[in-house]
Amino acid sequence: MDLTGIIIAIVIGAIAGWLAGIIMKSQGSLLRNIILGIVGGIVGTFVLGLVGLGGSGIIGEIIVSVVGACILIFVGRLIFK
């Protein structure tokens, strides 16, 4: 992955983490949102892949990352409740 790919992944992660925070009504810093969005992309790709779904293009990647980040927030709330 080149520098451009890394920057795009960080931007998509930031957008996805921010959207997931709004959807799940979660408070967090920008760094936390970026991390949630990036890791959410991995989780979302795995989970949606299990049911035969996926995303293509930037919008599709954001949607998959948002789904994954929402799953992470949900699981985090269950663990740390």
PDB file of N, CA and C in Angstrom:
ATOM      1  N   MET A   1       0.862  -1.178   0.000  1.00  0.00           N
ATOM      2  CA  MET A   1       0.000   0.000   0.000  1.00  0.00           C
ATOM      3  C   MET A   1       0.903   1.233   0.000  1.00  0.00           C
ATOM      4  N   ASP A   2       0.622   2.129  -0.892  1.00  0.00           N
ATOM      5  CA  ASP A   2       1.405   3.349  -0.985  1.00  0.00           C
ATOM      6  C   ASP A   2       0.831   4.438  -0.078  1.00  0.00           C
ATOM      7  N   LEU A   3       1.491   5.573  -0.050  1.00  0.00           N
ATOM      8  CA  LEU A   3       1.085   6.671   0.825  1.00  0.00           C
ATOM      9  C   LEU A   3      -0.326   7.153   0.512  1.00  0.00           C
ATOM     10  N   THR A   4      -0.685   7.206  -0.752  1.00  0.00           N
ATOM     11  CA  THR A   4      -2.032   7.642  -1.134  1.00  0.00           C
ATOM     12  C   THR A   4      -3.086   6.694  -0.586  1.00  0.00           C
ATOM     13  N   GLY A   5      -2.840   5.386  -0.678  1.00  0.00           N
ATOM     14  CA  GLY A   5      -3.768   4.394  -0.143  1.00  0.00           C
ATOM     15  C   GLY A   5      -3.939   4.516   1.351  1.00  0.00           C
ATOM     16  N   ILE A   6      -2.842   4.799   2.048  1.00  0.00           N
ATOM     17  CA  ILE A   6      -2.902   4.961   3.500  1.00  0.00           C
ATOM     18  C   ILE A   6      -3.716   6.196   3.861  1.00  0.00           C
ATOM     19  N   ILE A   7      -3.502   7.277   3.146  1.00  0.00           N
ATOM     20  CA  ILE A   7      -4.253   8.513   3.415  1.00  0.00           C
ATOM     21  C   ILE A   7      -5.741   8.300   3.138  1.00  0.00           C
ATOM     22  N   ILE A   8      -6.062   7.610   2.045  1.00  0.00           N
ATOM     23  CA  ILE A   8      -7.465   7.345   1.720  1.00  0.00           C
ATOM     24  C   ILE A   8      -8.103   6.467   2.801  1.00  0.00           C
ATOM     25  N   ALA A   9      -7.368   5.453   3.284  1.00  0.00           N
ATOM     26  CA  ALA A   9      -7.885   4.581   4.347  1.00  0.00           C
ATOM     27  C   ALA A   9      -8.147   5.375   5.620  1.00  0.00           C
ATOM     28  N   ILE A  10      -7.278   6.308   5.955  1.00  0.00           N
ATOM     29  CA  ILE A  10      -7.463   7.133   7.153  1.00  0.00           C
ATOM     30  C   ILE A  10      -8.678   8.044   6.983  1.00  0.00           C
ATOM     31  N   VAL A  11      -8.837   8.639   5.812  1.00  0.00           N
ATOM     32  CA  VAL A  11      -9.990   9.524   5.569  1.00  0.00           C
ATOM     33  C   VAL A  11     -11.289   8.725   5.620  1.00  0.00           C
ATOM     34  N   ILE A  12     -11.320   7.571   4.958  1.00  0.00           N
ATOM     35  CA  ILE A  12     -12.519   6.725   4.996  1.00  0.00           C
ATOM     36  C   ILE A  12     -12.787   6.279   6.431  1.00  0.00           C
ATOM     37  N   GLY A  13     -11.740   5.911   7.163  1.00  0.00           N
ATOM     38  CA  GLY A  13     -11.901   5.518   8.561  1.00  0.00           C
ATOM     39  C   GLY A  13     -12.451   6.643   9.420  1.00  0.00           C
ATOM     40  N   ALA A  14     -11.959   7.854   9.186  1.00  0.00           N
ATOM     41  CA  ALA A  14     -12.447   9.003   9.962  1.00  0.00           C
ATOM     42  C   ALA A  14     -13.924   9.256   9.671  1.00  0.00           C
ATOM     43  N   ILE A  15     -14.299   9.226   8.411  1.00  0.00           N
ATOM     44  CA  ILE A  15     -15.702   9.458   8.049  1.00  0.00           C
ATOM     45  C   ILE A  15     -16.585   8.357   8.626  1.00  0.00           C
ATOM     46  N   ALA A  16     -16.154   7.113   8.462  1.00  0.00           N
ATOM     47  CA  ALA A  16     -16.944   5.977   8.956  1.00  0.00           C
ATOM     48  C   ALA A  16     -17.053   5.999  10.474  1.00  0.00           C
ATOM     49  N   GLY A  17     -15.975   6.284  11.163  1.00  0.00           N
ATOM     50  CA  GLY A  17     -16.009   6.356  12.627  1.00  0.00           C
ATOM     51  C   GLY A  17     -16.914   7.472  13.116  1.00  0.00           C
ATOM     52  N   TRP A  18     -16.858   8.614  12.440  1.00  0.00           N
ATOM     53  CA  TRP A  18     -17.714   9.742  12.806  1.00  0.00           C
ATOM     54  C   TRP A  18     -19.184   9.389  12.601  1.00  0.00           C
ATOM     55  N   LEU A  19     -19.500   8.780  11.453  1.00  0.00           N
ATOM     56  CA  LEU A  19     -20.887   8.389  11.182  1.00  0.00           C
ATOM     57  C   LEU A  19     -21.368   7.323  12.171  1.00  0.00           C
ATOM     58  N   ALA A  20     -20.519   6.357  12.479  1.00  0.00           N
ATOM     59  CA  ALA A  20     -20.893   5.315  13.440  1.00  0.00           C
ATOM     60  C   ALA A  20     -21.122   5.924  14.820  1.00  0.00           C
ATOM     61  N   GLY A  21     -20.310   6.903  15.191  1.00  0.00           N
ATOM     62  CA  GLY A  21     -20.498   7.583  16.468  1.00  0.00           C
ATOM     63  C   GLY A  21     -21.835   8.291  16.545  1.00  0.00           C
ATOM     64  N   ILE A  22     -22.246   8.900  15.439  1.00  0.00           N
ATOM     65  CA  ILE A  22     -23.544   9.575  15.392  1.00  0.00           C
ATOM     66  C   ILE A  22     -24.678   8.554  15.458  1.00  0.00           C
ATOM     67  N   ILE A  23     -24.567   7.492  14.659  1.00  0.00           N
ATOM     68  CA  ILE A  23     -25.608   6.467  14.625  1.00  0.00           C
ATOM     69  C   ILE A  23     -25.776   5.804  15.990  1.00  0.00           C
ATOM     70  N   MET A  24     -24.660   5.484  16.641  1.00  0.00           N
ATOM     71  CA  MET A  24     -24.698   4.762  17.918  1.00  0.00           C
ATOM     72  C   MET A  24     -24.723   5.712  19.119  1.00  0.00           C
ATOM     73  N   LYS A  25     -24.762   7.020  18.844  1.00  0.00           N
ATOM     74  CA  LYS A  25     -24.762   8.041  19.903  1.00  0.00           C
ATOM     75  C   LYS A  25     -23.609   7.812  20.882  1.00  0.00           C
ATOM     76  N   SER A  26     -22.418   7.708  20.307  1.00  0.00           N
ATOM     77  CA  SER A  26     -21.203   7.445  21.074  1.00  0.00           C
ATOM     78  C   SER A  26     -20.325   8.687  21.054  1.00  0.00           C
ATOM     79  N   GLN A  27     -19.794   9.041  22.191  1.00  0.00           N
ATOM     80  CA  GLN A  27     -18.883  10.172  22.289  1.00  0.00           C
ATOM     81  C   GLN A  27     -17.455   9.657  22.160  1.00  0.00           C
ATOM     82  N   GLY A  28     -16.655  10.325  21.383  1.00  0.00           N
ATOM     83  CA  GLY A  28     -15.276   9.895  21.226  1.00  0.00           C
ATOM     84  C   GLY A  28     -14.454  10.954  20.523  1.00  0.00           C
ATOM     85  N   SER A  29     -13.151  10.826  20.654  1.00  0.00           N
ATOM     86  CA  SER A  29     -12.245  11.776  20.023  1.00  0.00           C
ATOM     87  C   SER A  29     -12.089  11.445  18.540  1.00  0.00           C
ATOM     88  N   LEU A  30     -11.467  12.339  17.821  1.00  0.00           N
ATOM     89  CA  LEU A  30     -11.226  12.126  16.398  1.00  0.00           C
ATOM     90  C   LEU A  30     -10.347  10.895  16.195  1.00  0.00           C
ATOM     91  N   LEU A  31      -9.317  10.739  17.013  1.00  0.00           N
ATOM     92  CA  LEU A  31      -8.435   9.583  16.892  1.00  0.00           C
ATOM     93  C   LEU A  31      -9.197   8.281  17.121  1.00  0.00           C
ATOM     94  N   ARG A  32     -10.050   8.273  18.131  1.00  0.00           N
ATOM     95  CA  ARG A  32     -10.863   7.080  18.413  1.00  0.00           C
ATOM     96  C   ARG A  32     -11.785   6.769  17.233  1.00  0.00           C
ATOM     97  N   ASN A  33     -12.389   7.797  16.655  1.00  0.00           N
ATOM     98  CA  ASN A  33     -13.266   7.601  15.511  1.00  0.00           C
ATOM     99  C   ASN A  33     -12.512   7.050  14.310  1.00  0.00           C
ATOM    100  N   ILE A  34     -11.301   7.551  14.077  1.00  0.00           N
ATOM    101  CA  ILE A  34     -10.496   7.052  12.963  1.00  0.00           C
ATOM    102  C   ILE A  34     -10.158   5.583  13.174  1.00  0.00           C
ATOM    103  N   ILE A  35      -9.736   5.241  14.381  1.00  0.00           N
ATOM    104  CA  ILE A  35      -9.387   3.851  14.684  1.00  0.00           C
ATOM    105  C   ILE A  35     -10.613   2.954  14.556  1.00  0.00           C
ATOM    106  N   LEU A  36     -11.752   3.411  15.101  1.00  0.00           N
ATOM    107  CA  LEU A  36     -12.988   2.634  14.980  1.00  0.00           C
ATOM    108  C   LEU A  36     -13.372   2.433  13.518  1.00  0.00           C
ATOM    109  N   GLY A  37     -13.220   3.448  12.717  1.00  0.00           N
ATOM    110  CA  GLY A  37     -13.566   3.347  11.303  1.00  0.00           C
ATOM    111  C   GLY A  37     -12.651   2.397  10.543  1.00  0.00           C
ATOM    112  N   ILE A  38     -11.356   2.459  10.819  1.00  0.00           N
ATOM    113  CA  ILE A  38     -10.408   1.582  10.130  1.00  0.00           C
ATOM    114  C   ILE A  38     -10.609   0.135  10.551  1.00  0.00           C
ATOM    115  N   VAL A  39     -10.669  -0.105  11.851  1.00  0.00           N
ATOM    116  CA  VAL A  39     -10.903  -1.468  12.338  1.00  0.00           C
ATOM    117  C   VAL A  39     -12.306  -1.922  11.941  1.00  0.00           C
ATOM    118  N   GLY A  40     -13.251  -0.992  11.945  1.00  0.00           N
ATOM    119  CA  GLY A  40     -14.608  -1.296  11.508  1.00  0.00           C
ATOM    120  C   GLY A  40     -14.657  -1.756  10.064  1.00  0.00           C
ATOM    121  N   GLY A  41     -13.769  -1.228   9.230  1.00  0.00           N
ATOM    122  CA  GLY A  41     -13.695  -1.673   7.846  1.00  0.00           C
ATOM    123  C   GLY A  41     -13.318  -3.142   7.756  1.00  0.00           C
ATOM    124  N   ILE A  42     -12.395  -3.555   8.607  1.00  0.00           N
ATOM    125  CA  ILE A  42     -11.981  -4.962   8.639  1.00  0.00           C
ATOM    126  C   ILE A  42     -13.127  -5.827   9.146  1.00  0.00           C
ATOM    127  N   VAL A  43     -13.729  -5.406  10.255  1.00  0.00           N
ATOM    128  CA  VAL A  43     -14.840  -6.165  10.844  1.00  0.00           C
ATOM    129  C   VAL A  43     -16.025  -6.208   9.887  1.00  0.00           C
ATOM    130  N   GLY A  44     -16.371  -5.073   9.302  1.00  0.00           N
ATOM    131  CA  GLY A  44     -17.494  -5.006   8.376  1.00  0.00           C
ATOM    132  C   GLY A  44     -17.283  -5.874   7.144  1.00  0.00           C
ATOM    133  N   THR A  45     -16.069  -5.873   6.612  1.00  0.00           N
ATOM    134  CA  THR A  45     -15.762  -6.713   5.460  1.00  0.00           C
ATOM    135  C   THR A  45     -15.937  -8.185   5.808  1.00  0.00           C
ATOM    136  N   PHE A  46     -15.467  -8.568   6.993  1.00  0.00           N
ATOM    137  CA  PHE A  46     -15.589  -9.963   7.427  1.00  0.00           C
ATOM    138  C   PHE A  46     -17.044 -10.350   7.643  1.00  0.00           C
ATOM    139  N   VAL A  47     -17.774  -9.546   8.421  1.00  0.00           N
ATOM    140  CA  VAL A  47     -19.157  -9.883   8.772  1.00  0.00           C
ATOM    141  C   VAL A  47     -20.058  -9.863   7.532  1.00  0.00           C
ATOM    142  N   LEU A  48     -19.957  -8.836   6.732  1.00  0.00           N
ATOM    143  CA  LEU A  48     -20.794  -8.763   5.532  1.00  0.00           C
ATOM    144  C   LEU A  48     -20.399  -9.829   4.516  1.00  0.00           C
ATOM    145  N   GLY A  49     -19.122 -10.205   4.506  1.00  0.00           N
ATOM    146  CA  GLY A  49     -18.672 -11.280   3.637  1.00  0.00           C
ATOM    147  C   GLY A  49     -19.284 -12.620   4.014  1.00  0.00           C
ATOM    148  N   LEU A  50     -19.567 -12.809   5.300  1.00  0.00           N
ATOM    149  CA  LEU A  50     -20.192 -14.045   5.750  1.00  0.00           C
ATOM    150  C   LEU A  50     -21.592 -14.220   5.173  1.00  0.00           C
ATOM    151  N   VAL A  51     -22.280 -13.122   4.938  1.00  0.00           N
ATOM    152  CA  VAL A  51     -23.635 -13.198   4.373  1.00  0.00           C
ATOM    153  C   VAL A  51     -23.655 -12.892   2.874  1.00  0.00           C
ATOM    154  N   GLY A  52     -22.477 -12.808   2.266  1.00  0.00           N
ATOM    155  CA  GLY A  52     -22.390 -12.626   0.829  1.00  0.00           C
ATOM    156  C   GLY A  52     -22.539 -11.203   0.346  1.00  0.00           C
ATOM    157  N   LEU A  53     -22.329 -10.231   1.217  1.00  0.00           N
ATOM    158  CA  LEU A  53     -22.436  -8.823   0.828  1.00  0.00           C
ATOM    159  C   LEU A  53     -21.069  -8.172   0.855  1.00  0.00           C
ATOM    160  N   GLY A  54     -20.945  -7.063   0.196  1.00  0.00           N
ATOM    161  CA  GLY A  54     -19.700  -6.308   0.207  1.00  0.00           C
ATOM    162  C   GLY A  54     -19.930  -4.941  -0.405  1.00  0.00           C
ATOM    163  N   GLY A  55     -18.925  -4.122  -0.343  1.00  0.00           N
ATOM    164  CA  GLY A  55     -19.038  -2.785  -0.898  1.00  0.00           C
ATOM    165  C   GLY A  55     -17.920  -2.531  -1.888  1.00  0.00           C
ATOM    166  N   SER A  56     -18.223  -1.746  -2.899  1.00  0.00           N
ATOM    167  CA  SER A  56     -17.185  -1.375  -3.851  1.00  0.00           C
ATOM    168  C   SER A  56     -17.222   0.142  -4.032  1.00  0.00           C
ATOM    169  N   GLY A  57     -16.099   0.696  -4.322  1.00  0.00           N
ATOM    170  CA  GLY A  57     -15.996   2.141  -4.435  1.00  0.00           C
ATOM    171  C   GLY A  57     -15.900   2.778  -3.056  1.00  0.00           C
ATOM    172  N   ILE A  58     -15.685   4.052  -3.052  1.00  0.00           N
ATOM    173  CA  ILE A  58     -15.487   4.763  -1.786  1.00  0.00           C
ATOM    174  C   ILE A  58     -16.756   4.741  -0.939  1.00  0.00           C
ATOM    175  N   ILE A  59     -17.910   4.957  -1.529  1.00  0.00           N
ATOM    176  CA  ILE A  59     -19.169   4.946  -0.778  1.00  0.00           C
ATOM    177  C   ILE A  59     -19.410   3.564  -0.181  1.00  0.00           C
ATOM    178  N   GLY A  60     -19.177   2.527  -0.951  1.00  0.00           N
ATOM    179  CA  GLY A  60     -19.342   1.167  -0.458  1.00  0.00           C
ATOM    180  C   GLY A  60     -18.396   0.859   0.689  1.00  0.00           C
ATOM    181  N   GLU A  61     -17.158   1.320   0.581  1.00  0.00           N
ATOM    182  CA  GLU A  61     -16.186   1.113   1.658  1.00  0.00           C
ATOM    183  C   GLU A  61     -16.598   1.855   2.919  1.00  0.00           C
ATOM    184  N   ILE A  62     -17.130   3.053   2.766  1.00  0.00           N
ATOM    185  CA  ILE A  62     -17.594   3.817   3.931  1.00  0.00           C
ATOM    186  C   ILE A  62     -18.753   3.091   4.602  1.00  0.00           C
ATOM    187  N   ILE A  63     -19.698   2.590   3.810  1.00  0.00           N
ATOM    188  CA  ILE A  63     -20.852   1.883   4.376  1.00  0.00           C
ATOM    189  C   ILE A  63     -20.403   0.636   5.131  1.00  0.00           C
ATOM    190  N   VAL A  64     -19.512  -0.140   4.525  1.00  0.00           N
ATOM    191  CA  VAL A  64     -18.999  -1.349   5.175  1.00  0.00           C
ATOM    192  C   VAL A  64     -18.267  -0.983   6.466  1.00  0.00           C
ATOM    193  N   SER A  65     -17.473   0.071   6.432  1.00  0.00           N
ATOM    194  CA  SER A  65     -16.741   0.511   7.618  1.00  0.00           C
ATOM    195  C   SER A  65     -17.672   1.009   8.710  1.00  0.00           C
ATOM    196  N   VAL A  66     -18.739   1.712   8.330  1.00  0.00           N
ATOM    197  CA  VAL A  66     -19.719   2.188   9.313  1.00  0.00           C
ATOM    198  C   VAL A  66     -20.398   1.004   9.989  1.00  0.00           C
ATOM    199  N   VAL A  67     -20.793   0.008   9.200  1.00  0.00           N
ATOM    200  CA  VAL A  67     -21.423  -1.184   9.772  1.00  0.00           C
ATOM    201  C   VAL A  67     -20.468  -1.857  10.756  1.00  0.00           C
ATOM    202  N   GLY A  68     -19.223  -2.029  10.347  1.00  0.00           N
ATOM    203  CA  GLY A  68     -18.233  -2.648  11.230  1.00  0.00           C
ATOM    204  C   GLY A  68     -17.971  -1.837  12.485  1.00  0.00           C
ATOM    205  N   ALA A  69     -17.877  -0.516  12.351  1.00  0.00           N
ATOM    206  CA  ALA A  69     -17.648   0.343  13.510  1.00  0.00           C
ATOM    207  C   ALA A  69     -18.837   0.302  14.466  1.00  0.00           C
ATOM    208  N   CYS A  70     -20.058   0.254  13.920  1.00  0.00           N
ATOM    209  CA  CYS A  70     -21.248   0.138  14.771  1.00  0.00           C
ATOM    210  C   CYS A  70     -21.224  -1.182  15.540  1.00  0.00           C
ATOM    211  N   ILE A  71     -20.801  -2.242  14.874  1.00  0.00           N
ATOM    212  CA  ILE A  71     -20.676  -3.533  15.555  1.00  0.00           C
ATOM    213  C   ILE A  71     -19.653  -3.436  16.678  1.00  0.00           C
ATOM    214  N   LEU A  72     -18.525  -2.787  16.419  1.00  0.00           N
ATOM    215  CA  LEU A  72     -17.497  -2.630  17.452  1.00  0.00           C
ATOM    216  C   LEU A  72     -18.005  -1.821  18.638  1.00  0.00           C
ATOM    217  N   ILE A  73     -18.714  -0.743  18.376  1.00  0.00           N
ATOM    218  CA  ILE A  73     -19.269   0.068  19.462  1.00  0.00           C
ATOM    219  C   ILE A  73     -20.255  -0.750  20.277  1.00  0.00           C
ATOM    220  N   PHE A  74     -21.127  -1.508  19.601  1.00  0.00           N
ATOM    221  CA  PHE A  74     -22.112  -2.342  20.276  1.00  0.00           C
ATOM    222  C   PHE A  74     -21.430  -3.379  21.170  1.00  0.00           C
ATOM    223  N   VAL A  75     -20.458  -4.074  20.623  1.00  0.00           N
ATOM    224  CA  VAL A  75     -19.736  -5.101  21.393  1.00  0.00           C
ATOM    225  C   VAL A  75     -18.975  -4.459  22.554  1.00  0.00           C
ATOM    226  N   GLY A  76     -18.380  -3.299  22.300  1.00  0.00           N
ATOM    227  CA  GLY A  76     -17.673  -2.584  23.365  1.00  0.00           C
ATOM    228  C   GLY A  76     -18.593  -2.205  24.507  1.00  0.00           C
ATOM    229  N   ARG A  77     -19.801  -1.785  24.175  1.00  0.00           N
ATOM    230  CA  ARG A  77     -20.776  -1.453  25.214  1.00  0.00           C
ATOM    231  C   ARG A  77     -21.182  -2.682  26.014  1.00  0.00           C
ATOM    232  N   LEU A  78     -21.302  -3.833  25.346  1.00  0.00           N
ATOM    233  CA  LEU A  78     -21.637  -5.063  26.060  1.00  0.00           C
ATOM    234  C   LEU A  78     -20.528  -5.480  27.007  1.00  0.00           C
ATOM    235  N   ILE A  79     -19.292  -5.344  26.561  1.00  0.00           N
ATOM    236  CA  ILE A  79     -18.146  -5.781  27.374  1.00  0.00           C
ATOM    237  C   ILE A  79     -17.919  -4.845  28.546  1.00  0.00           C
ATOM    238  N   PHE A  80     -17.971  -3.545  28.325  1.00  0.00           N
ATOM    239  CA  PHE A  80     -17.622  -2.579  29.348  1.00  0.00           C
ATOM    240  C   PHE A  80     -18.814  -1.994  30.090  1.00  0.00           C
ATOM    241  N   LYS A  81     -19.945  -2.656  30.031  1.00  0.00           N
ATOM    242  CA  LYS A  81     -21.148  -2.154  30.695  1.00  0.00           C
ATOM    243  C   LYS A  81     -21.154  -2.454  32.159  1.00  0.00           C
TER     244      LYS A  81
END
